[in-house]
N, C-alpha and C. Protein backbone atom coordinates (compact mmCIF):
# COMPACT_ATOMS: atom_id res chain seq x y z
N MET A 1 112.59 153.20 88.71
CA MET A 1 113.17 152.92 90.00
C MET A 1 112.40 153.66 91.09
N ARG A 2 112.02 152.93 92.13
CA ARG A 2 111.25 153.52 93.22
C ARG A 2 112.16 154.17 94.24
N LYS A 3 111.80 155.36 94.66
CA LYS A 3 112.55 156.07 95.69
C LYS A 3 112.11 155.52 97.04
N SER A 4 113.09 155.13 97.87
CA SER A 4 112.72 154.60 99.18
C SER A 4 112.27 155.73 100.09
N LYS A 5 111.37 155.38 100.99
CA LYS A 5 110.83 156.36 101.94
C LYS A 5 111.90 156.70 102.97
N LYS A 6 112.12 157.98 103.19
CA LYS A 6 113.11 158.41 104.17
C LYS A 6 112.43 158.68 105.50
N LEU A 7 112.94 158.04 106.53
CA LEU A 7 112.39 158.25 107.86
C LEU A 7 113.06 159.45 108.50
N LYS A 8 112.31 160.18 109.26
CA LYS A 8 112.82 161.37 109.94
C LYS A 8 112.90 161.11 111.43
N PHE A 9 114.09 160.79 111.88
CA PHE A 9 114.32 160.65 113.31
C PHE A 9 115.31 161.72 113.71
N LEU A 10 115.16 162.20 114.93
CA LEU A 10 116.05 163.23 115.45
C LEU A 10 117.00 162.61 116.47
N LEU A 11 118.02 163.36 116.78
CA LEU A 11 118.96 162.95 117.80
C LEU A 11 118.22 162.65 119.11
N ASN A 12 118.57 161.58 119.77
CA ASN A 12 117.98 161.11 121.04
C ASN A 12 116.59 160.50 120.91
N ASP A 13 116.05 160.40 119.69
CA ASP A 13 114.76 159.72 119.51
C ASP A 13 114.95 158.23 119.78
N TYR A 14 113.94 157.62 120.38
CA TYR A 14 113.93 156.17 120.53
C TYR A 14 113.31 155.57 119.29
N VAL A 15 113.89 154.48 118.81
CA VAL A 15 113.40 153.80 117.62
C VAL A 15 113.35 152.30 117.90
N VAL A 16 112.64 151.58 117.05
CA VAL A 16 112.60 150.12 117.16
C VAL A 16 113.22 149.56 115.89
N TYR A 17 114.27 148.77 116.08
CA TYR A 17 114.90 148.05 114.98
C TYR A 17 114.41 146.61 115.12
N PRO A 18 113.77 146.06 114.08
CA PRO A 18 113.08 144.77 114.22
C PRO A 18 113.87 143.65 114.89
N SER A 19 115.11 143.46 114.51
CA SER A 19 115.83 142.32 115.07
C SER A 19 116.57 142.62 116.37
N HIS A 20 116.51 143.86 116.84
CA HIS A 20 117.21 144.21 118.08
C HIS A 20 116.34 144.88 119.13
N GLY A 21 115.18 145.37 118.75
CA GLY A 21 114.29 146.01 119.72
C GLY A 21 114.51 147.51 119.81
N VAL A 22 114.33 148.05 121.02
CA VAL A 22 114.36 149.51 121.24
C VAL A 22 115.80 150.00 121.36
N GLY A 23 116.10 151.04 120.58
CA GLY A 23 117.40 151.70 120.65
C GLY A 23 117.20 153.20 120.61
N GLN A 24 118.28 153.93 120.79
CA GLN A 24 118.20 155.39 120.77
C GLN A 24 119.16 155.93 119.73
N VAL A 25 118.69 156.90 118.93
CA VAL A 25 119.53 157.53 117.93
C VAL A 25 120.51 158.43 118.68
N ILE A 26 121.80 158.06 118.64
CA ILE A 26 122.79 158.85 119.38
C ILE A 26 123.53 159.83 118.48
N SER A 27 123.44 159.62 117.16
CA SER A 27 123.99 160.61 116.24
C SER A 27 123.49 160.33 114.83
N ILE A 28 123.61 161.35 114.01
CA ILE A 28 123.29 161.25 112.60
C ILE A 28 124.54 161.73 111.88
N GLU A 29 125.17 160.82 111.13
CA GLU A 29 126.48 161.11 110.56
C GLU A 29 126.52 160.92 109.05
N GLN A 30 127.52 161.54 108.46
CA GLN A 30 127.85 161.31 107.05
C GLN A 30 129.12 160.49 107.05
N GLN A 31 129.14 159.39 106.33
CA GLN A 31 130.34 158.57 106.21
C GLN A 31 130.52 158.15 104.77
N GLN A 32 131.77 157.96 104.41
CA GLN A 32 132.07 157.46 103.08
C GLN A 32 132.40 155.99 103.22
N ILE A 33 131.58 155.15 102.60
CA ILE A 33 131.77 153.71 102.67
C ILE A 33 131.86 153.18 101.25
N ALA A 34 132.97 152.53 100.93
CA ALA A 34 133.22 151.99 99.58
C ALA A 34 133.06 153.07 98.51
N GLY A 35 133.52 154.28 98.82
CA GLY A 35 133.47 155.37 97.86
C GLY A 35 132.12 156.03 97.72
N ILE A 36 131.16 155.63 98.53
CA ILE A 36 129.81 156.21 98.46
C ILE A 36 129.56 157.00 99.74
N ASN A 37 129.06 158.22 99.59
CA ASN A 37 128.71 159.02 100.76
C ASN A 37 127.35 158.59 101.28
N LEU A 38 127.28 158.24 102.55
CA LEU A 38 126.04 157.79 103.15
C LEU A 38 125.72 158.62 104.38
N GLU A 39 124.43 158.88 104.56
CA GLU A 39 123.95 159.48 105.79
C GLU A 39 123.47 158.33 106.65
N LEU A 40 123.91 158.29 107.91
CA LEU A 40 123.60 157.16 108.78
C LEU A 40 122.96 157.59 110.09
N PHE A 41 122.01 156.79 110.54
CA PHE A 41 121.53 156.90 111.91
C PHE A 41 122.46 156.00 112.72
N ILE A 42 123.02 156.51 113.79
CA ILE A 42 123.80 155.68 114.70
C ILE A 42 122.89 155.40 115.89
N VAL A 43 122.51 154.13 116.04
CA VAL A 43 121.53 153.72 117.04
C VAL A 43 122.24 152.89 118.11
N PHE A 44 122.03 153.27 119.37
CA PHE A 44 122.63 152.56 120.49
C PHE A 44 121.56 151.76 121.23
N PHE A 45 121.87 150.49 121.49
CA PHE A 45 120.97 149.61 122.21
C PHE A 45 121.56 149.38 123.60
N GLN A 46 121.01 150.06 124.59
CA GLN A 46 121.54 150.07 125.95
C GLN A 46 121.67 148.67 126.54
N LYS A 47 120.62 147.88 126.42
CA LYS A 47 120.61 146.57 127.06
C LYS A 47 121.72 145.66 126.52
N ASP A 48 121.96 145.74 125.22
CA ASP A 48 122.96 144.88 124.58
C ASP A 48 124.33 145.54 124.49
N LYS A 49 124.40 146.82 124.90
CA LYS A 49 125.65 147.60 124.77
C LYS A 49 126.17 147.49 123.33
N MET A 50 125.25 147.75 122.38
CA MET A 50 125.57 147.59 120.97
C MET A 50 125.22 148.87 120.21
N THR A 51 126.04 149.19 119.23
CA THR A 51 125.78 150.34 118.36
C THR A 51 125.60 149.83 116.95
N LEU A 52 124.60 150.38 116.26
CA LEU A 52 124.28 149.95 114.91
C LEU A 52 124.24 151.18 114.01
N SER A 53 124.84 151.08 112.83
CA SER A 53 124.79 152.16 111.84
C SER A 53 123.76 151.76 110.78
N VAL A 54 122.75 152.60 110.61
CA VAL A 54 121.69 152.30 109.66
C VAL A 54 121.63 153.42 108.63
N PRO A 55 121.85 153.11 107.35
CA PRO A 55 121.73 154.14 106.31
C PRO A 55 120.32 154.74 106.34
N ILE A 56 120.25 156.06 106.34
CA ILE A 56 118.95 156.75 106.42
C ILE A 56 118.03 156.30 105.28
N ASP A 57 118.59 156.12 104.08
CA ASP A 57 117.78 155.71 102.93
C ASP A 57 117.23 154.29 103.08
N LYS A 58 117.84 153.48 103.91
CA LYS A 58 117.42 152.07 104.06
C LYS A 58 116.65 151.81 105.35
N ALA A 59 116.54 152.81 106.20
CA ALA A 59 115.91 152.61 107.51
C ALA A 59 114.49 152.05 107.38
N ALA A 60 113.70 152.62 106.49
CA ALA A 60 112.32 152.15 106.33
C ALA A 60 112.27 150.73 105.76
N SER A 61 113.12 150.44 104.79
CA SER A 61 113.08 149.12 104.16
C SER A 61 113.56 148.01 105.08
N VAL A 62 114.39 148.31 106.07
CA VAL A 62 114.80 147.28 107.03
C VAL A 62 113.81 147.16 108.19
N GLY A 63 112.81 148.01 108.21
CA GLY A 63 111.75 147.92 109.21
C GLY A 63 111.94 148.78 110.44
N MET A 64 112.95 149.65 110.43
CA MET A 64 113.13 150.54 111.57
C MET A 64 111.91 151.45 111.66
N ARG A 65 111.44 151.66 112.87
CA ARG A 65 110.23 152.45 113.04
C ARG A 65 110.29 153.26 114.33
N ALA A 66 109.36 154.19 114.44
CA ALA A 66 109.23 154.97 115.67
C ALA A 66 108.60 154.08 116.74
N LEU A 67 108.70 154.52 117.97
CA LEU A 67 108.07 153.78 119.07
C LEU A 67 106.57 153.69 118.85
N SER A 68 105.97 152.69 119.45
CA SER A 68 104.51 152.54 119.39
C SER A 68 103.84 153.68 120.15
N THR A 69 102.58 153.89 119.83
CA THR A 69 101.79 154.90 120.54
C THR A 69 101.25 154.28 121.83
N PRO A 70 100.85 155.10 122.80
CA PRO A 70 100.23 154.54 124.01
C PRO A 70 98.98 153.71 123.68
N GLU A 71 98.27 154.07 122.62
CA GLU A 71 97.08 153.30 122.21
C GLU A 71 97.48 151.90 121.76
N LEU A 72 98.59 151.80 121.02
CA LEU A 72 99.06 150.49 120.56
C LEU A 72 99.57 149.66 121.75
N VAL A 73 100.18 150.31 122.72
CA VAL A 73 100.62 149.61 123.93
C VAL A 73 99.40 149.03 124.64
N GLU A 74 98.32 149.80 124.70
CA GLU A 74 97.09 149.31 125.33
C GLU A 74 96.55 148.10 124.59
N LYS A 75 96.60 148.13 123.24
CA LYS A 75 96.16 146.98 122.44
C LYS A 75 97.03 145.75 122.73
N ALA A 76 98.32 145.99 122.90
CA ALA A 76 99.24 144.88 123.21
C ALA A 76 98.88 144.27 124.56
N MET A 77 98.54 145.11 125.52
CA MET A 77 98.16 144.61 126.85
C MET A 77 96.86 143.80 126.76
N ILE A 78 95.94 144.24 125.93
CA ILE A 78 94.69 143.50 125.72
C ILE A 78 95.00 142.16 125.05
N THR A 79 95.96 142.17 124.12
CA THR A 79 96.36 140.94 123.43
C THR A 79 96.90 139.91 124.41
N ILE A 80 97.79 140.34 125.32
CA ILE A 80 98.37 139.35 126.25
C ILE A 80 97.35 138.88 127.28
N LYS A 81 96.27 139.63 127.45
CA LYS A 81 95.21 139.24 128.37
C LYS A 81 94.35 138.13 127.76
N GLY A 82 94.43 138.00 126.44
CA GLY A 82 93.58 137.03 125.74
C GLY A 82 93.98 135.59 125.97
N ARG A 83 93.18 134.72 125.41
CA ARG A 83 93.39 133.28 125.53
C ARG A 83 94.53 132.86 124.58
N PRO A 84 95.47 132.02 125.05
CA PRO A 84 96.57 131.57 124.17
C PRO A 84 96.03 130.84 122.95
N ARG A 85 96.65 131.09 121.83
CA ARG A 85 96.26 130.41 120.58
C ARG A 85 97.45 129.59 120.12
N VAL A 86 97.44 128.34 120.44
CA VAL A 86 98.55 127.47 120.06
C VAL A 86 98.09 126.56 118.93
N LYS A 87 98.79 126.66 117.80
CA LYS A 87 98.46 125.83 116.64
C LYS A 87 98.93 124.41 116.90
N ARG A 88 98.34 123.50 116.21
CA ARG A 88 98.68 122.09 116.37
C ARG A 88 99.76 121.66 115.38
N ALA A 89 100.64 122.56 115.04
CA ALA A 89 101.74 122.24 114.13
C ALA A 89 102.92 121.71 114.94
N MET A 90 103.91 121.18 114.25
CA MET A 90 105.11 120.71 114.94
C MET A 90 105.80 121.90 115.60
N TRP A 91 106.50 121.62 116.72
CA TRP A 91 107.15 122.69 117.46
C TRP A 91 108.14 123.46 116.59
N SER A 92 108.90 122.79 115.75
CA SER A 92 109.90 123.49 114.93
C SER A 92 109.24 124.53 114.04
N ARG A 93 108.09 124.21 113.50
CA ARG A 93 107.36 125.15 112.63
C ARG A 93 106.81 126.32 113.46
N ARG A 94 106.22 126.00 114.61
CA ARG A 94 105.70 127.06 115.48
C ARG A 94 106.83 127.96 115.97
N ALA A 95 107.97 127.35 116.32
CA ALA A 95 109.12 128.13 116.79
C ALA A 95 109.57 129.11 115.72
N GLN A 96 109.58 128.67 114.49
CA GLN A 96 109.94 129.56 113.37
C GLN A 96 108.97 130.73 113.29
N GLU A 97 107.69 130.44 113.39
CA GLU A 97 106.67 131.50 113.33
C GLU A 97 106.83 132.48 114.49
N TYR A 98 107.08 131.96 115.70
CA TYR A 98 107.28 132.83 116.85
C TYR A 98 108.51 133.72 116.65
N ASP A 99 109.58 133.12 116.14
CA ASP A 99 110.81 133.88 115.89
C ASP A 99 110.57 134.99 114.87
N GLN A 100 109.82 134.69 113.83
CA GLN A 100 109.49 135.70 112.82
C GLN A 100 108.67 136.82 113.43
N LYS A 101 107.73 136.48 114.29
CA LYS A 101 106.91 137.51 114.94
C LYS A 101 107.78 138.40 115.82
N ILE A 102 108.68 137.80 116.59
CA ILE A 102 109.56 138.59 117.46
C ILE A 102 110.42 139.53 116.64
N ASN A 103 111.01 139.01 115.56
CA ASN A 103 111.92 139.81 114.74
C ASN A 103 111.22 140.73 113.75
N SER A 104 109.88 140.68 113.73
CA SER A 104 109.14 141.61 112.87
C SER A 104 109.18 143.02 113.46
N GLY A 105 109.36 143.09 114.79
CA GLY A 105 109.37 144.38 115.46
C GLY A 105 107.98 144.91 115.75
N ASP A 106 106.95 144.19 115.33
CA ASP A 106 105.57 144.62 115.53
C ASP A 106 105.14 144.30 116.96
N LEU A 107 104.74 145.32 117.71
CA LEU A 107 104.42 145.15 119.12
C LEU A 107 103.30 144.15 119.36
N ILE A 108 102.28 144.16 118.53
CA ILE A 108 101.15 143.24 118.70
C ILE A 108 101.61 141.79 118.44
N SER A 109 102.42 141.58 117.43
CA SER A 109 102.95 140.23 117.15
C SER A 109 103.79 139.72 118.31
N ILE A 110 104.59 140.59 118.88
CA ILE A 110 105.42 140.21 120.03
C ILE A 110 104.53 139.88 121.23
N ALA A 111 103.48 140.67 121.42
CA ALA A 111 102.54 140.41 122.51
C ALA A 111 101.85 139.05 122.31
N GLU A 112 101.57 138.68 121.06
CA GLU A 112 100.96 137.38 120.78
C GLU A 112 101.88 136.24 121.19
N VAL A 113 103.18 136.40 120.95
CA VAL A 113 104.14 135.37 121.34
C VAL A 113 104.16 135.24 122.86
N VAL A 114 104.18 136.37 123.57
CA VAL A 114 104.17 136.34 125.03
C VAL A 114 102.90 135.64 125.52
N ARG A 115 101.77 136.02 124.95
CA ARG A 115 100.48 135.41 125.33
C ARG A 115 100.50 133.90 125.11
N ASP A 116 100.97 133.47 123.95
CA ASP A 116 100.91 132.05 123.58
C ASP A 116 101.92 131.18 124.34
N LEU A 117 103.06 131.75 124.74
CA LEU A 117 104.10 130.96 125.38
C LEU A 117 104.15 131.09 126.90
N HIS A 118 103.33 131.99 127.46
CA HIS A 118 103.35 132.19 128.92
C HIS A 118 102.81 130.96 129.64
N ARG A 119 103.54 130.55 130.68
CA ARG A 119 103.11 129.44 131.53
C ARG A 119 103.08 129.91 132.97
N ASP A 120 101.93 129.78 133.61
CA ASP A 120 101.82 130.17 135.02
C ASP A 120 102.34 129.06 135.93
N GLU A 121 102.10 127.83 135.47
CA GLU A 121 102.60 126.72 136.28
C GLU A 121 104.13 126.69 136.14
N ASP A 122 104.74 125.64 136.57
CA ASP A 122 106.19 125.51 136.61
C ASP A 122 106.82 125.80 135.24
N PRO A 123 107.65 126.86 135.15
CA PRO A 123 108.27 127.18 133.86
C PRO A 123 109.23 126.09 133.37
N ARG A 124 109.61 125.21 134.27
CA ARG A 124 110.49 124.10 133.85
C ARG A 124 109.74 123.11 132.96
N GLU A 125 108.42 123.27 132.87
CA GLU A 125 107.63 122.43 131.97
C GLU A 125 107.88 122.81 130.52
N GLN A 126 108.41 124.02 130.31
CA GLN A 126 108.72 124.47 128.95
C GLN A 126 110.05 123.90 128.50
N SER A 127 110.18 123.69 127.20
CA SER A 127 111.47 123.28 126.66
C SER A 127 112.41 124.48 126.69
N TYR A 128 113.68 124.23 126.53
CA TYR A 128 114.67 125.30 126.53
C TYR A 128 114.38 126.31 125.43
N SER A 129 114.09 125.84 124.22
CA SER A 129 113.84 126.76 123.10
C SER A 129 112.56 127.55 123.30
N GLU A 130 111.56 126.94 123.91
CA GLU A 130 110.30 127.63 124.20
C GLU A 130 110.55 128.76 125.20
N ARG A 131 111.33 128.48 126.25
CA ARG A 131 111.66 129.50 127.24
C ARG A 131 112.46 130.64 126.62
N GLN A 132 113.41 130.29 125.74
CA GLN A 132 114.24 131.31 125.09
C GLN A 132 113.37 132.26 124.26
N LEU A 133 112.45 131.69 123.49
CA LEU A 133 111.56 132.52 122.67
C LEU A 133 110.67 133.39 123.54
N TYR A 134 110.13 132.79 124.60
CA TYR A 134 109.26 133.54 125.51
C TYR A 134 110.02 134.71 126.14
N GLU A 135 111.21 134.43 126.65
CA GLU A 135 112.00 135.48 127.31
C GLU A 135 112.42 136.57 126.34
N SER A 136 112.74 136.19 125.12
CA SER A 136 113.11 137.18 124.10
C SER A 136 111.93 138.10 123.79
N ALA A 137 110.75 137.51 123.59
CA ALA A 137 109.55 138.30 123.30
C ALA A 137 109.19 139.19 124.49
N LEU A 138 109.24 138.62 125.69
CA LEU A 138 108.90 139.37 126.89
C LEU A 138 109.85 140.56 127.08
N GLU A 139 111.13 140.33 126.86
CA GLU A 139 112.12 141.41 127.01
C GLU A 139 111.86 142.54 126.02
N ARG A 140 111.55 142.21 124.77
CA ARG A 140 111.24 143.23 123.75
C ARG A 140 110.00 144.02 124.15
N LEU A 141 108.99 143.30 124.61
CA LEU A 141 107.73 143.93 125.02
C LEU A 141 107.96 144.86 126.21
N ILE A 142 108.69 144.38 127.19
CA ILE A 142 108.98 145.20 128.38
C ILE A 142 109.72 146.47 128.00
N ARG A 143 110.77 146.35 127.19
CA ARG A 143 111.57 147.52 126.82
C ARG A 143 110.74 148.59 126.13
N GLU A 144 109.94 148.17 125.15
CA GLU A 144 109.16 149.17 124.41
C GLU A 144 108.09 149.80 125.29
N ILE A 145 107.39 149.00 126.07
CA ILE A 145 106.35 149.55 126.94
C ILE A 145 106.96 150.51 127.95
N ALA A 146 108.11 150.17 128.50
CA ALA A 146 108.78 151.03 129.48
C ALA A 146 109.12 152.39 128.86
N VAL A 147 109.68 152.38 127.66
CA VAL A 147 110.06 153.65 127.02
C VAL A 147 108.82 154.45 126.64
N VAL A 148 107.81 153.80 126.08
CA VAL A 148 106.59 154.50 125.69
C VAL A 148 105.91 155.14 126.90
N ASN A 149 105.85 154.38 128.02
CA ASN A 149 105.19 154.88 129.22
C ASN A 149 106.09 155.74 130.10
N GLY A 150 107.35 155.86 129.72
CA GLY A 150 108.29 156.67 130.51
C GLY A 150 108.50 156.10 131.91
N GLN A 151 108.64 154.78 132.00
CA GLN A 151 108.81 154.15 133.29
C GLN A 151 110.03 153.22 133.26
N GLU A 152 110.40 152.75 134.43
CA GLU A 152 111.50 151.79 134.54
C GLU A 152 111.04 150.45 133.94
N GLU A 153 112.00 149.68 133.45
CA GLU A 153 111.67 148.38 132.88
C GLU A 153 111.00 147.46 133.91
N GLN A 154 111.42 147.56 135.17
CA GLN A 154 110.83 146.71 136.20
C GLN A 154 109.34 147.01 136.39
N ALA A 155 108.98 148.28 136.30
CA ALA A 155 107.57 148.66 136.43
C ALA A 155 106.75 148.09 135.26
N ALA A 156 107.32 148.15 134.06
CA ALA A 156 106.63 147.60 132.88
C ALA A 156 106.51 146.08 133.02
N ALA A 157 107.57 145.43 133.51
CA ALA A 157 107.54 143.99 133.70
C ALA A 157 106.47 143.60 134.73
N ASP A 158 106.39 144.36 135.81
CA ASP A 158 105.38 144.09 136.84
C ASP A 158 103.97 144.22 136.27
N GLU A 159 103.76 145.24 135.45
CA GLU A 159 102.45 145.47 134.84
C GLU A 159 102.07 144.30 133.92
N ILE A 160 103.03 143.86 133.09
CA ILE A 160 102.79 142.73 132.18
C ILE A 160 102.50 141.47 132.98
N ASN A 161 103.29 141.21 134.02
CA ASN A 161 103.08 140.01 134.85
C ASN A 161 101.72 140.04 135.53
N ARG A 162 101.30 141.23 135.97
CA ARG A 162 99.99 141.37 136.60
C ARG A 162 98.90 141.00 135.61
N VAL A 163 99.00 141.48 134.37
CA VAL A 163 98.00 141.18 133.33
C VAL A 163 98.01 139.68 133.02
N LEU A 164 99.19 139.09 132.90
CA LEU A 164 99.28 137.65 132.60
C LEU A 164 98.70 136.83 133.76
N HIS A 165 98.93 137.27 134.98
CA HIS A 165 98.43 136.55 136.15
C HIS A 165 96.90 136.65 136.25
N THR A 166 96.34 137.83 135.96
CA THR A 166 94.88 137.97 136.02
C THR A 166 94.21 137.14 134.94
N ARG A 167 94.92 136.92 133.84
CA ARG A 167 94.39 136.11 132.75
C ARG A 167 94.15 134.68 133.24
N THR A 168 95.06 134.17 134.03
CA THR A 168 94.93 132.78 134.48
C THR A 168 93.91 132.62 135.59
N LEU A 169 93.52 133.71 136.23
CA LEU A 169 92.53 133.65 137.29
C LEU A 169 91.10 133.61 136.74
N GLN A 170 90.95 133.94 135.48
CA GLN A 170 89.61 134.01 134.91
C GLN A 170 89.04 132.65 134.61
């Protein structure tokens, strides 16, 4: 039997939970659930006003991770500056792939979704599901970049929009 890797997060650390984005560890508790004593990270997601209990032993296996480094944020910005790569598959298949990338929690994958789905022209040209995926990816990207850079979300959003806009001018 393999021992799962235990992640070490401290109180007030920011973490990324793949399917929810950036949250903050607000407590580390011991609870008895179904007769089993568990140590839990209690993670609060400000934007969603949601609290999640994650067993410490399972945190790594569910993909919970520390925030990205400033170097990785820079790579993400370079990624969104790149040329969109849209596969010629059916939309339903591409939508699934985009959703998987967003829920992977990987900053570069999320940046790829933003890059590929960004439209400078009229956003009404996008389908509803395309806009939903784009906005979800953009929101995740903004939140993590804002926390990593220690800035307001609006400042991070402005920076991302500036990069996306310069891409279309080239």
